[in-house]
Amino acid sequence: MDEVLAAAGDHAKTRHVLMHGLWLGQDLDGGAERLLALSSGPPFDTGRDPIALFRMAGALRRLGRCDEGLAAIDRALDLLPPGDLTVHADLVRERSLIAVARDLHQRPQARTGGTAR
């Protein structure tokens, strides 16, 4: 991957392919960190690419940074062109996953059987 990334420079389509692979590889060592770095670096550092923001949101969810993930996915939804229903559904699904992950992180007693005080 590093060789492809070095050869790609700031080529958006190549970087999108690399991000897609990291997004699919949920269990890759350092995958979430690399996905976050790719999705927030050039040419996506303007924060105007909804798919890069979608990948960023997924990486942030995997890293437990759910509030940042929700902000990224909400920006992605705002930037998505009208009528792109398939991608919209993917973004909404990711938003739901982030919200559930945030709820689970905020309520650790629910997982261990403890009671709220």
PDB file of N, CA and C in Angstrom:
ATOM      1  N   MET A   1       0.810  -1.180   0.000  1.00  0.00           N
ATOM      2  CA  MET A   1       0.000   0.000   0.000  1.00  0.00           C
ATOM      3  C   MET A   1       0.864   1.257   0.000  1.00  0.00           C
ATOM      4  N   ASP A   2       1.958   1.236   0.747  1.00  0.00           N
ATOM      5  CA  ASP A   2       2.819   2.414   0.831  1.00  0.00           C
ATOM      6  C   ASP A   2       3.408   2.782  -0.528  1.00  0.00           C
ATOM      7  N   GLU A   3       3.762   1.768  -1.324  1.00  0.00           N
ATOM      8  CA  GLU A   3       4.299   2.038  -2.657  1.00  0.00           C
ATOM      9  C   GLU A   3       3.253   2.705  -3.543  1.00  0.00           C
ATOM     10  N   VAL A   4       2.033   2.196  -3.507  1.00  0.00           N
ATOM     11  CA  VAL A   4       0.950   2.768  -4.305  1.00  0.00           C
ATOM     12  C   VAL A   4       0.663   4.187  -3.848  1.00  0.00           C
ATOM     13  N   LEU A   5       0.636   4.388  -2.552  1.00  0.00           N
ATOM     14  CA  LEU A   5       0.373   5.717  -2.001  1.00  0.00           C
ATOM     15  C   LEU A   5       1.458   6.713  -2.417  1.00  0.00           C
ATOM     16  N   ALA A   6       2.711   6.279  -2.386  1.00  0.00           N
ATOM     17  CA  ALA A   6       3.808   7.161  -2.789  1.00  0.00           C
ATOM     18  C   ALA A   6       3.708   7.516  -4.265  1.00  0.00           C
ATOM     19  N   ALA A   7       3.348   6.542  -5.088  1.00  0.00           N
ATOM     20  CA  ALA A   7       3.222   6.795  -6.526  1.00  0.00           C
ATOM     21  C   ALA A   7       1.984   7.632  -6.846  1.00  0.00           C
ATOM     22  N   ALA A   8       0.954   7.513  -6.023  1.00  0.00           N
ATOM     23  CA  ALA A   8      -0.308   8.205  -6.292  1.00  0.00           C
ATOM     24  C   ALA A   8      -0.222   9.699  -6.030  1.00  0.00           C
ATOM     25  N   GLY A   9       0.623  10.096  -5.114  1.00  0.00           N
ATOM     26  CA  GLY A   9       0.650  11.515  -4.758  1.00  0.00           C
ATOM     27  C   GLY A   9      -0.715  11.934  -4.239  1.00  0.00           C
ATOM     28  N   ASP A  10      -1.254  13.007  -4.794  1.00  0.00           N
ATOM     29  CA  ASP A  10      -2.565  13.503  -4.366  1.00  0.00           C
ATOM     30  C   ASP A  10      -3.682  13.076  -5.310  1.00  0.00           C
ATOM     31  N   HIS A  11      -3.471  12.006  -6.087  1.00  0.00           N
ATOM     32  CA  HIS A  11      -4.481  11.535  -7.039  1.00  0.00           C
ATOM     33  C   HIS A  11      -5.703  11.001  -6.283  1.00  0.00           C
ATOM     34  N   ALA A  12      -6.800  11.718  -6.384  1.00  0.00           N
ATOM     35  CA  ALA A  12      -7.993  11.435  -5.572  1.00  0.00           C
ATOM     36  C   ALA A  12      -8.551  10.034  -5.811  1.00  0.00           C
ATOM     37  N   LYS A  13      -8.650   9.602  -7.054  1.00  0.00           N
ATOM     38  CA  LYS A  13      -9.259   8.291  -7.332  1.00  0.00           C
ATOM     39  C   LYS A  13      -8.434   7.160  -6.745  1.00  0.00           C
ATOM     40  N   THR A  14      -7.115   7.254  -6.842  1.00  0.00           N
ATOM     41  CA  THR A  14      -6.255   6.218  -6.271  1.00  0.00           C
ATOM     42  C   THR A  14      -6.393   6.207  -4.753  1.00  0.00           C
ATOM     43  N   ARG A  15      -6.430   7.385  -4.169  1.00  0.00           N
ATOM     44  CA  ARG A  15      -6.589   7.465  -2.713  1.00  0.00           C
ATOM     45  C   ARG A  15      -7.960   6.932  -2.276  1.00  0.00           C
ATOM     46  N   HIS A  16      -8.987   7.157  -3.082  1.00  0.00           N
ATOM     47  CA  HIS A  16     -10.306   6.598  -2.762  1.00  0.00           C
ATOM     48  C   HIS A  16     -10.255   5.061  -2.759  1.00  0.00           C
ATOM     49  N   VAL A  17      -9.549   4.483  -3.710  1.00  0.00           N
ATOM     50  CA  VAL A  17      -9.427   3.019  -3.766  1.00  0.00           C
ATOM     51  C   VAL A  17      -8.712   2.508  -2.518  1.00  0.00           C
ATOM     52  N   LEU A  18      -7.637   3.187  -2.118  1.00  0.00           N
ATOM     53  CA  LEU A  18      -6.916   2.776  -0.911  1.00  0.00           C
ATOM     54  C   LEU A  18      -7.797   2.909   0.326  1.00  0.00           C
ATOM     55  N   MET A  19      -8.562   4.003   0.406  1.00  0.00           N
ATOM     56  CA  MET A  19      -9.465   4.176   1.547  1.00  0.00           C
ATOM     57  C   MET A  19     -10.522   3.083   1.577  1.00  0.00           C
ATOM     58  N   HIS A  20     -11.016   2.714   0.396  1.00  0.00           N
ATOM     59  CA  HIS A  20     -12.038   1.662   0.341  1.00  0.00           C
ATOM     60  C   HIS A  20     -11.476   0.347   0.883  1.00  0.00           C
ATOM     61  N   GLY A  21     -10.250   0.034   0.502  1.00  0.00           N
ATOM     62  CA  GLY A  21      -9.618  -1.191   1.013  1.00  0.00           C
ATOM     63  C   GLY A  21      -9.444  -1.162   2.519  1.00  0.00           C
ATOM     64  N   LEU A  22      -9.025  -0.023   3.051  1.00  0.00           N
ATOM     65  CA  LEU A  22      -8.875   0.096   4.506  1.00  0.00           C
ATOM     66  C   LEU A  22     -10.226   0.049   5.202  1.00  0.00           C
ATOM     67  N   TRP A  23     -11.241   0.598   4.579  1.00  0.00           N
ATOM     68  CA  TRP A  23     -12.597   0.568   5.145  1.00  0.00           C
ATOM     69  C   TRP A  23     -13.105  -0.875   5.209  1.00  0.00           C
ATOM     70  N   LEU A  24     -12.834  -1.653   4.165  1.00  0.00           N
ATOM     71  CA  LEU A  24     -13.254  -3.060   4.151  1.00  0.00           C
ATOM     72  C   LEU A  24     -12.445  -3.903   5.138  1.00  0.00           C
ATOM     73  N   GLY A  25     -11.184  -3.564   5.342  1.00  0.00           N
ATOM     74  CA  GLY A  25     -10.305  -4.331   6.228  1.00  0.00           C
ATOM     75  C   GLY A  25     -10.464  -3.884   7.672  1.00  0.00           C
ATOM     76  N   GLN A  26     -11.583  -4.198   8.255  1.00  0.00           N
ATOM     77  CA  GLN A  26     -11.911  -3.767   9.614  1.00  0.00           C
ATOM     78  C   GLN A  26     -10.864  -4.171  10.645  1.00  0.00           C
ATOM     79  N   ASP A  27     -10.191  -5.294  10.426  1.00  0.00           N
ATOM     80  CA  ASP A  27      -9.274  -5.820  11.444  1.00  0.00           C
ATOM     81  C   ASP A  27      -7.796  -5.605  11.108  1.00  0.00           C
ATOM     82  N   LEU A  28      -7.501  -4.777  10.135  1.00  0.00           N
ATOM     83  CA  LEU A  28      -6.103  -4.516   9.795  1.00  0.00           C
ATOM     84  C   LEU A  28      -5.439  -3.719  10.908  1.00  0.00           C
ATOM     85  N   ASP A  29      -4.231  -4.117  11.282  1.00  0.00           N
ATOM     86  CA  ASP A  29      -3.487  -3.374  12.305  1.00  0.00           C
ATOM     87  C   ASP A  29      -3.254  -1.943  11.828  1.00  0.00           C
ATOM     88  N   GLY A  30      -3.687  -0.992  12.614  1.00  0.00           N
ATOM     89  CA  GLY A  30      -3.509   0.409  12.265  1.00  0.00           C
ATOM     90  C   GLY A  30      -4.389   0.875  11.124  1.00  0.00           C
ATOM     91  N   GLY A  31      -5.330   0.045  10.724  1.00  0.00           N
ATOM     92  CA  GLY A  31      -6.177   0.393   9.586  1.00  0.00           C
ATOM     93  C   GLY A  31      -7.004   1.647   9.803  1.00  0.00           C
ATOM     94  N   ALA A  32      -7.588   1.775  10.976  1.00  0.00           N
ATOM     95  CA  ALA A  32      -8.415   2.950  11.254  1.00  0.00           C
ATOM     96  C   ALA A  32      -7.571   4.220  11.261  1.00  0.00           C
ATOM     97  N   GLU A  33      -6.386   4.145  11.823  1.00  0.00           N
ATOM     98  CA  GLU A  33      -5.503   5.306  11.849  1.00  0.00           C
ATOM     99  C   GLU A  33      -5.074   5.706  10.441  1.00  0.00           C
ATOM    100  N   ARG A  34      -4.742   4.699   9.618  1.00  0.00           N
ATOM    101  CA  ARG A  34      -4.336   4.987   8.231  1.00  0.00           C
ATOM    102  C   ARG A  34      -5.509   5.540   7.441  1.00  0.00           C
ATOM    103  N   LEU A  35      -6.698   4.995   7.668  1.00  0.00           N
ATOM    104  CA  LEU A  35      -7.890   5.488   6.982  1.00  0.00           C
ATOM    105  C   LEU A  35      -8.163   6.934   7.366  1.00  0.00           C
ATOM    106  N   LEU A  36      -8.011   7.245   8.630  1.00  0.00           N
ATOM    107  CA  LEU A  36      -8.211   8.622   9.089  1.00  0.00           C
ATOM    108  C   LEU A  36      -7.187   9.561   8.451  1.00  0.00           C
ATOM    109  N   ALA A  37      -5.942   9.131   8.390  1.00  0.00           N
ATOM    110  CA  ALA A  37      -4.901   9.966   7.788  1.00  0.00           C
ATOM    111  C   ALA A  37      -5.169  10.201   6.296  1.00  0.00           C
ATOM    112  N   LEU A  38      -5.553   9.146   5.578  1.00  0.00           N
ATOM    113  CA  LEU A  38      -5.841   9.297   4.150  1.00  0.00           C
ATOM    114  C   LEU A  38      -7.052  10.188   3.904  1.00  0.00           C
ATOM    115  N   SER A  39      -8.090  10.012   4.701  1.00  0.00           N
ATOM    116  CA  SER A  39      -9.336  10.753   4.461  1.00  0.00           C
ATOM    117  C   SER A  39      -9.246  12.215   4.873  1.00  0.00           C
ATOM    118  N   SER A  40      -8.260  12.559   5.673  1.00  0.00           N
ATOM    119  CA  SER A  40      -8.138  13.946   6.111  1.00  0.00           C
ATOM    120  C   SER A  40      -6.958  14.664   5.466  1.00  0.00           C
ATOM    121  N   GLY A  41      -6.151  13.936   4.688  1.00  0.00           N
ATOM    122  CA  GLY A  41      -5.005  14.541   4.023  1.00  0.00           C
ATOM    123  C   GLY A  41      -5.336  14.965   2.602  1.00  0.00           C
ATOM    124  N   PRO A  42      -4.343  15.525   1.907  1.00  0.00           N
ATOM    125  CA  PRO A  42      -4.565  15.951   0.526  1.00  0.00           C
ATOM    126  C   PRO A  42      -4.999  14.777  -0.341  1.00  0.00           C
ATOM    127  N   PRO A  43      -5.886  14.970  -1.238  1.00  0.00           N
ATOM    128  CA  PRO A  43      -6.607  16.174  -1.632  1.00  0.00           C
ATOM    129  C   PRO A  43      -7.921  16.383  -0.881  1.00  0.00           C
ATOM    130  N   PHE A  44      -8.122  15.647   0.200  1.00  0.00           N
ATOM    131  CA  PHE A  44      -9.401  15.693   0.914  1.00  0.00           C
ATOM    132  C   PHE A  44      -9.391  16.640   2.109  1.00  0.00           C
ATOM    133  N   ASP A  45      -8.279  17.323   2.324  1.00  0.00           N
ATOM    134  CA  ASP A  45      -8.141  18.185   3.497  1.00  0.00           C
ATOM    135  C   ASP A  45      -9.029  19.430   3.438  1.00  0.00           C
ATOM    136  N   THR A  46      -9.717  19.633   2.329  1.00  0.00           N
ATOM    137  CA  THR A  46     -10.669  20.747   2.242  1.00  0.00           C
ATOM    138  C   THR A  46     -11.977  20.418   2.955  1.00  0.00           C
ATOM    139  N   GLY A  47     -12.211  19.117   3.234  1.00  0.00           N
ATOM    140  CA  GLY A  47     -13.446  18.714   3.896  1.00  0.00           C
ATOM    141  C   GLY A  47     -14.668  18.847   3.004  1.00  0.00           C
ATOM    142  N   ARG A  48     -14.487  18.746   1.681  1.00  0.00           N
ATOM    143  CA  ARG A  48     -15.596  18.938   0.748  1.00  0.00           C
ATOM    144  C   ARG A  48     -15.963  17.664  -0.017  1.00  0.00           C
ATOM    145  N   ASP A  49     -15.299  16.553   0.261  1.00  0.00           N
ATOM    146  CA  ASP A  49     -15.569  15.300  -0.450  1.00  0.00           C
ATOM    147  C   ASP A  49     -16.427  14.411   0.448  1.00  0.00           C
ATOM    148  N   PRO A  50     -17.703  14.193   0.089  1.00  0.00           N
ATOM    149  CA  PRO A  50     -18.582  13.431   0.981  1.00  0.00           C
ATOM    150  C   PRO A  50     -18.134  11.983   1.200  1.00  0.00           C
ATOM    151  N   ILE A  51     -17.524  11.373   0.201  1.00  0.00           N
ATOM    152  CA  ILE A  51     -17.090   9.979   0.374  1.00  0.00           C
ATOM    153  C   ILE A  51     -15.873   9.912   1.295  1.00  0.00           C
ATOM    154  N   ALA A  52     -14.958  10.857   1.161  1.00  0.00           N
ATOM    155  CA  ALA A  52     -13.814  10.896   2.075  1.00  0.00           C
ATOM    156  C   ALA A  52     -14.298  11.139   3.504  1.00  0.00           C
ATOM    157  N   LEU A  53     -15.290  12.010   3.661  1.00  0.00           N
ATOM    158  CA  LEU A  53     -15.848  12.262   4.994  1.00  0.00           C
ATOM    159  C   LEU A  53     -16.548  11.022   5.541  1.00  0.00           C
ATOM    160  N   PHE A  54     -17.205  10.269   4.679  1.00  0.00           N
ATOM    161  CA  PHE A  54     -17.840   9.001   5.056  1.00  0.00           C
ATOM    162  C   PHE A  54     -16.791   8.025   5.586  1.00  0.00           C
ATOM    163  N   ARG A  55     -15.674   7.904   4.864  1.00  0.00           N
ATOM    164  CA  ARG A  55     -14.593   7.009   5.303  1.00  0.00           C
ATOM    165  C   ARG A  55     -13.983   7.515   6.615  1.00  0.00           C
ATOM    166  N   MET A  56     -13.824   8.836   6.728  1.00  0.00           N
ATOM    167  CA  MET A  56     -13.294   9.428   7.951  1.00  0.00           C
ATOM    168  C   MET A  56     -14.203   9.107   9.127  1.00  0.00           C
ATOM    169  N   ALA A  57     -15.502   9.234   8.932  1.00  0.00           N
ATOM    170  CA  ALA A  57     -16.463   8.960  10.002  1.00  0.00           C
ATOM    171  C   ALA A  57     -16.361   7.514  10.468  1.00  0.00           C
ATOM    172  N   GLY A  58     -16.215   6.588   9.528  1.00  0.00           N
ATOM    173  CA  GLY A  58     -16.052   5.184   9.895  1.00  0.00           C
ATOM    174  C   GLY A  58     -14.785   4.938  10.680  1.00  0.00           C
ATOM    175  N   ALA A  59     -13.700   5.593  10.282  1.00  0.00           N
ATOM    176  CA  ALA A  59     -12.434   5.457  11.013  1.00  0.00           C
ATOM    177  C   ALA A  59     -12.568   6.025  12.420  1.00  0.00           C
ATOM    178  N   LEU A  60     -13.212   7.165  12.537  1.00  0.00           N
ATOM    179  CA  LEU A  60     -13.404   7.774  13.857  1.00  0.00           C
ATOM    180  C   LEU A  60     -14.265   6.889  14.751  1.00  0.00           C
ATOM    181  N   ARG A  61     -15.284   6.257  14.171  1.00  0.00           N
ATOM    182  CA  ARG A  61     -16.108   5.315  14.947  1.00  0.00           C
ATOM    183  C   ARG A  61     -15.261   4.169  15.465  1.00  0.00           C
ATOM    184  N   ARG A  62     -14.420   3.599  14.595  1.00  0.00           N
ATOM    185  CA  ARG A  62     -13.575   2.480  14.990  1.00  0.00           C
ATOM    186  C   ARG A  62     -12.584   2.883  16.070  1.00  0.00           C
ATOM    187  N   LEU A  63     -12.205   4.146  16.106  1.00  0.00           N
ATOM    188  CA  LEU A  63     -11.275   4.648  17.115  1.00  0.00           C
ATOM    189  C   LEU A  63     -11.980   5.113  18.383  1.00  0.00           C
ATOM    190  N   GLY A  64     -13.313   5.010  18.410  1.00  0.00           N
ATOM    191  CA  GLY A  64     -14.075   5.417  19.585  1.00  0.00           C
ATOM    192  C   GLY A  64     -14.285   6.919  19.692  1.00  0.00           C
ATOM    193  N   ARG A  65     -14.031   7.641  18.628  1.00  0.00           N
ATOM    194  CA  ARG A  65     -14.186   9.099  18.608  1.00  0.00           C
ATOM    195  C   ARG A  65     -15.515   9.450  17.948  1.00  0.00           C
ATOM    196  N   CYS A  66     -16.577   9.062  18.619  1.00  0.00           N
ATOM    197  CA  CYS A  66     -17.907   9.081  18.020  1.00  0.00           C
ATOM    198  C   CYS A  66     -18.458  10.478  17.769  1.00  0.00           C
ATOM    199  N   ASP A  67     -18.213  11.424  18.647  1.00  0.00           N
ATOM    200  CA  ASP A  67     -18.718  12.781  18.411  1.00  0.00           C
ATOM    201  C   ASP A  67     -18.086  13.378  17.155  1.00  0.00           C
ATOM    202  N   GLU A  68     -16.794  13.160  16.974  1.00  0.00           N
ATOM    203  CA  GLU A  68     -16.125  13.622  15.758  1.00  0.00           C
ATOM    204  C   GLU A  68     -16.657  12.879  14.537  1.00  0.00           C
ATOM    205  N   GLY A  69     -16.937  11.594  14.708  1.00  0.00           N
ATOM    206  CA  GLY A  69     -17.495  10.800  13.616  1.00  0.00           C
ATOM    207  C   GLY A  69     -18.858  11.310  13.193  1.00  0.00           C
ATOM    208  N   LEU A  70     -19.690  11.659  14.179  1.00  0.00           N
ATOM    209  CA  LEU A  70     -21.009  12.206  13.851  1.00  0.00           C
ATOM    210  C   LEU A  70     -20.881  13.532  13.108  1.00  0.00           C
ATOM    211  N   ALA A  71     -19.943  14.367  13.512  1.00  0.00           N
ATOM    212  CA  ALA A  71     -19.733  15.643  12.820  1.00  0.00           C
ATOM    213  C   ALA A  71     -19.297  15.398  11.374  1.00  0.00           C
ATOM    214  N   ALA A  72     -18.401  14.438  11.166  1.00  0.00           N
ATOM    215  CA  ALA A  72     -17.922  14.143   9.812  1.00  0.00           C
ATOM    216  C   ALA A  72     -19.038  13.588   8.940  1.00  0.00           C
ATOM    217  N   ILE A  73     -19.836  12.675   9.469  1.00  0.00           N
ATOM    218  CA  ILE A  73     -20.897  12.075   8.654  1.00  0.00           C
ATOM    219  C   ILE A  73     -21.999  13.092   8.375  1.00  0.00           C
ATOM    220  N   ASP A  74     -22.261  13.981   9.319  1.00  0.00           N
ATOM    221  CA  ASP A  74     -23.253  15.032   9.069  1.00  0.00           C
ATOM    222  C   ASP A  74     -22.774  15.982   7.973  1.00  0.00           C
ATOM    223  N   ARG A  75     -21.481  16.317   7.958  1.00  0.00           N
ATOM    224  CA  ARG A  75     -20.931  17.139   6.867  1.00  0.00           C
ATOM    225  C   ARG A  75     -21.058  16.406   5.541  1.00  0.00           C
ATOM    226  N   ALA A  76     -20.769  15.104   5.558  1.00  0.00           N
ATOM    227  CA  ALA A  76     -20.874  14.310   4.327  1.00  0.00           C
ATOM    228  C   ALA A  76     -22.303  14.325   3.798  1.00  0.00           C
ATOM    229  N   LEU A  77     -23.257  14.160   4.686  1.00  0.00           N
ATOM    230  CA  LEU A  77     -24.664  14.188   4.265  1.00  0.00           C
ATOM    231  C   LEU A  77     -25.039  15.547   3.685  1.00  0.00           C
ATOM    232  N   ASP A  78     -24.538  16.607   4.281  1.00  0.00           N
ATOM    233  CA  ASP A  78     -24.815  17.953   3.762  1.00  0.00           C
ATOM    234  C   ASP A  78     -24.217  18.171   2.375  1.00  0.00           C
ATOM    235  N   LEU A  79     -23.073  17.571   2.110  1.00  0.00           N
ATOM    236  CA  LEU A  79     -22.379  17.762   0.841  1.00  0.00           C
ATOM    237  C   LEU A  79     -22.825  16.813  -0.262  1.00  0.00           C
ATOM    238  N   LEU A  80     -23.566  15.788   0.077  1.00  0.00           N
ATOM    239  CA  LEU A  80     -23.978  14.792  -0.906  1.00  0.00           C
ATOM    240  C   LEU A  80     -24.915  15.419  -1.930  1.00  0.00           C
ATOM    241  N   PRO A  81     -24.651  15.206  -3.216  1.00  0.00           N
ATOM    242  CA  PRO A  81     -25.528  15.773  -4.236  1.00  0.00           C
ATOM    243  C   PRO A  81     -26.949  15.199  -4.128  1.00  0.00           C
ATOM    244  N   PRO A  82     -27.956  16.004  -4.432  1.00  0.00           N
ATOM    245  CA  PRO A  82     -29.334  15.521  -4.387  1.00  0.00           C
ATOM    246  C   PRO A  82     -29.536  14.345  -5.352  1.00  0.00           C
ATOM    247  N   GLY A  83     -30.355  13.411  -4.938  1.00  0.00           N
ATOM    248  CA  GLY A  83     -30.699  12.278  -5.787  1.00  0.00           C
ATOM    249  C   GLY A  83     -29.756  11.099  -5.708  1.00  0.00           C
ATOM    250  N   ASP A  84     -28.708  11.185  -4.942  1.00  0.00           N
ATOM    251  CA  ASP A  84     -27.756  10.080  -4.810  1.00  0.00           C
ATOM    252  C   ASP A  84     -28.225   9.160  -3.679  1.00  0.00           C
ATOM    253  N   LEU A  85     -29.311   8.436  -3.934  1.00  0.00           N
ATOM    254  CA  LEU A  85     -30.001   7.688  -2.884  1.00  0.00           C
ATOM    255  C   LEU A  85     -29.192   6.519  -2.332  1.00  0.00           C
ATOM    256  N   THR A  86     -28.454   5.830  -3.182  1.00  0.00           N
ATOM    257  CA  THR A  86     -27.686   4.678  -2.712  1.00  0.00           C
ATOM    258  C   THR A  86     -26.608   5.120  -1.734  1.00  0.00           C
ATOM    259  N   VAL A  87     -25.862   6.150  -2.096  1.00  0.00           N
ATOM    260  CA  VAL A  87     -24.806   6.637  -1.211  1.00  0.00           C
ATOM    261  C   VAL A  87     -25.432   7.247   0.043  1.00  0.00           C
ATOM    262  N   HIS A  88     -26.548   7.926  -0.119  1.00  0.00           N
ATOM    263  CA  HIS A  88     -27.235   8.512   1.036  1.00  0.00           C
ATOM    264  C   HIS A  88     -27.575   7.429   2.054  1.00  0.00           C
ATOM    265  N   ALA A  89     -28.070   6.297   1.580  1.00  0.00           N
ATOM    266  CA  ALA A  89     -28.417   5.193   2.484  1.00  0.00           C
ATOM    267  C   ALA A  89     -27.173   4.683   3.217  1.00  0.00           C
ATOM    268  N   ASP A  90     -26.038   4.603   2.528  1.00  0.00           N
ATOM    269  CA  ASP A  90     -24.791   4.171   3.175  1.00  0.00           C
ATOM    270  C   ASP A  90     -24.381   5.152   4.268  1.00  0.00           C
ATOM    271  N   LEU A  91     -24.511   6.443   3.989  1.00  0.00           N
ATOM    272  CA  LEU A  91     -24.141   7.456   4.967  1.00  0.00           C
ATOM    273  C   LEU A  91     -25.068   7.431   6.175  1.00  0.00           C
ATOM    274  N   VAL A  92     -26.349   7.253   5.932  1.00  0.00           N
ATOM    275  CA  VAL A  92     -27.313   7.175   7.038  1.00  0.00           C
ATOM    276  C   VAL A  92     -27.037   5.941   7.892  1.00  0.00           C
ATOM    277  N   ARG A  93     -26.686   4.830   7.261  1.00  0.00           N
ATOM    278  CA  ARG A  93     -26.365   3.602   8.001  1.00  0.00           C
ATOM    279  C   ARG A  93     -25.118   3.830   8.876  1.00  0.00           C
ATOM    280  N   GLU A  94     -24.096   4.494   8.327  1.00  0.00           N
ATOM    281  CA  GLU A  94     -22.894   4.785   9.111  1.00  0.00           C
ATOM    282  C   GLU A  94     -23.234   5.712  10.270  1.00  0.00           C
ATOM    283  N   ARG A  95     -24.100   6.678  10.034  1.00  0.00           N
ATOM    284  CA  ARG A  95     -24.492   7.591  11.106  1.00  0.00           C
ATOM    285  C   ARG A  95     -25.167   6.815  12.240  1.00  0.00           C
ATOM    286  N   SER A  96     -26.004   5.850  11.879  1.00  0.00           N
ATOM    287  CA  SER A  96     -26.665   5.018  12.893  1.00  0.00           C
ATOM    288  C   SER A  96     -25.656   4.194  13.673  1.00  0.00           C
ATOM    289  N   LEU A  97     -24.669   3.625  12.984  1.00  0.00           N
ATOM    290  CA  LEU A  97     -23.631   2.841  13.665  1.00  0.00           C
ATOM    291  C   LEU A  97     -22.843   3.708  14.647  1.00  0.00           C
ATOM    292  N   ILE A  98     -22.520   4.928  14.234  1.00  0.00           N
ATOM    293  CA  ILE A  98     -21.771   5.821  15.113  1.00  0.00           C
ATOM    294  C   ILE A  98     -22.602   6.179  16.339  1.00  0.00           C
ATOM    295  N   ALA A  99     -23.879   6.474  16.136  1.00  0.00           N
ATOM    296  CA  ALA A  99     -24.751   6.841  17.258  1.00  0.00           C
ATOM    297  C   ALA A  99     -24.869   5.689  18.253  1.00  0.00           C
ATOM    298  N   VAL A 100     -24.999   4.475  17.751  1.00  0.00           N
ATOM    299  CA  VAL A 100     -25.096   3.308  18.641  1.00  0.00           C
ATOM    300  C   VAL A 100     -23.770   3.105  19.376  1.00  0.00           C
ATOM    301  N   ALA A 101     -22.650   3.226  18.659  1.00  0.00           N
ATOM    302  CA  ALA A 101     -21.341   3.072  19.308  1.00  0.00           C
ATOM    303  C   ALA A 101     -21.157   4.123  20.398  1.00  0.00           C
ATOM    304  N   ARG A 102     -21.573   5.349  20.124  1.00  0.00           N
ATOM    305  CA  ARG A 102     -21.457   6.413  21.135  1.00  0.00           C
ATOM    306  C   ARG A 102     -22.306   6.074  22.354  1.00  0.00           C
ATOM    307  N   ASP A 103     -23.529   5.601  22.120  1.00  0.00           N
ATOM    308  CA  ASP A 103     -24.396   5.234  23.237  1.00  0.00           C
ATOM    309  C   ASP A 103     -23.791   4.113  24.074  1.00  0.00           C
ATOM    310  N   LEU A 104     -23.186   3.143  23.407  1.00  0.00           N
ATOM    311  CA  LEU A 104     -22.549   2.045  24.139  1.00  0.00           C
ATOM    312  C   LEU A 104     -21.353   2.523  24.957  1.00  0.00           C
ATOM    313  N   HIS A 105     -20.576   3.451  24.410  1.00  0.00           N
ATOM    314  CA  HIS A 105     -19.420   3.989  25.132  1.00  0.00           C
ATOM    315  C   HIS A 105     -19.855   4.836  26.319  1.00  0.00           C
ATOM    316  N   GLN A 106     -21.006   5.494  26.202  1.00  0.00           N
ATOM    317  CA  GLN A 106     -21.476   6.361  27.278  1.00  0.00           C
ATOM    318  C   GLN A 106     -22.192   5.582  28.369  1.00  0.00           C
ATOM    319  N   ARG A 107     -22.570   4.357  28.106  1.00  0.00           N
ATOM    320  CA  ARG A 107     -23.293   3.553  29.088  1.00  0.00           C
ATOM    321  C   ARG A 107     -22.564   2.233  29.350  1.00  0.00           C
ATOM    322  N   PRO A 108     -21.372   2.273  29.895  1.00  0.00           N
ATOM    323  CA  PRO A 108     -20.638   1.020  30.112  1.00  0.00           C
ATOM    324  C   PRO A 108     -21.321   0.097  31.109  1.00  0.00           C
ATOM    325  N   GLN A 109     -22.091   0.644  32.043  1.00  0.00           N
ATOM    326  CA  GLN A 109     -22.760  -0.213  33.022  1.00  0.00           C
ATOM    327  C   GLN A 109     -23.805  -1.114  32.358  1.00  0.00           C
ATOM    328  N   ALA A 110     -24.340  -0.718  31.222  1.00  0.00           N
ATOM    329  CA  ALA A 110     -25.331  -1.543  30.542  1.00  0.00           C
ATOM    330  C   ALA A 110     -24.702  -2.832  30.019  1.00  0.00           C
ATOM    331  N   ARG A 111     -23.420  -2.782  29.631  1.00  0.00           N
ATOM    332  CA  ARG A 111     -22.751  -3.974  29.139  1.00  0.00           C
ATOM    333  C   ARG A 111     -22.322  -4.918  30.241  1.00  0.00           C
ATOM    334  N   THR A 112     -22.059  -4.370  31.438  1.00  0.00           N
ATOM    335  CA  THR A 112     -21.551  -5.215  32.525  1.00  0.00           C
ATOM    336  C   THR A 112     -22.643  -5.617  33.503  1.00  0.00           C
ATOM    337  N   GLY A 113     -23.849  -5.137  33.249  1.00  0.00           N
ATOM    338  CA  GLY A 113     -24.951  -5.500  34.140  1.00  0.00           C
ATOM    339  C   GLY A 113     -25.063  -4.613  35.351  1.00  0.00           C
ATOM    340  N   GLY A 114     -24.251  -3.558  35.433  1.00  0.00           N
ATOM    341  CA  GLY A 114     -24.314  -2.626  36.563  1.00  0.00           C
ATOM    342  C   GLY A 114     -25.569  -1.758  36.475  1.00  0.00           C
ATOM    343  N   THR A 115     -25.770  -1.004  37.501  1.00  0.00           N
ATOM    344  CA  THR A 115     -26.921  -0.111  37.517  1.00  0.00           C
ATOM    345  C   THR A 115     -26.450   1.336  37.466  1.00  0.00           C
ATOM    346  N   ALA A 116     -27.271   2.166  36.862  1.00  0.00           N
ATOM    347  CA  ALA A 116     -26.957   3.589  36.786  1.00  0.00           C
ATOM    348  C   ALA A 116     -27.202   4.239  38.145  1.00  0.00           C
ATOM    349  N   ARG A 117     -26.446   5.230  38.470  1.00  0.00           N
ATOM    350  CA  ARG A 117     -26.612   5.924  39.769  1.00  0.00           C
ATOM    351  C   ARG A 117     -27.177   7.286  39.538  1.00  0.00           C
TER     352      ARG A 117
END
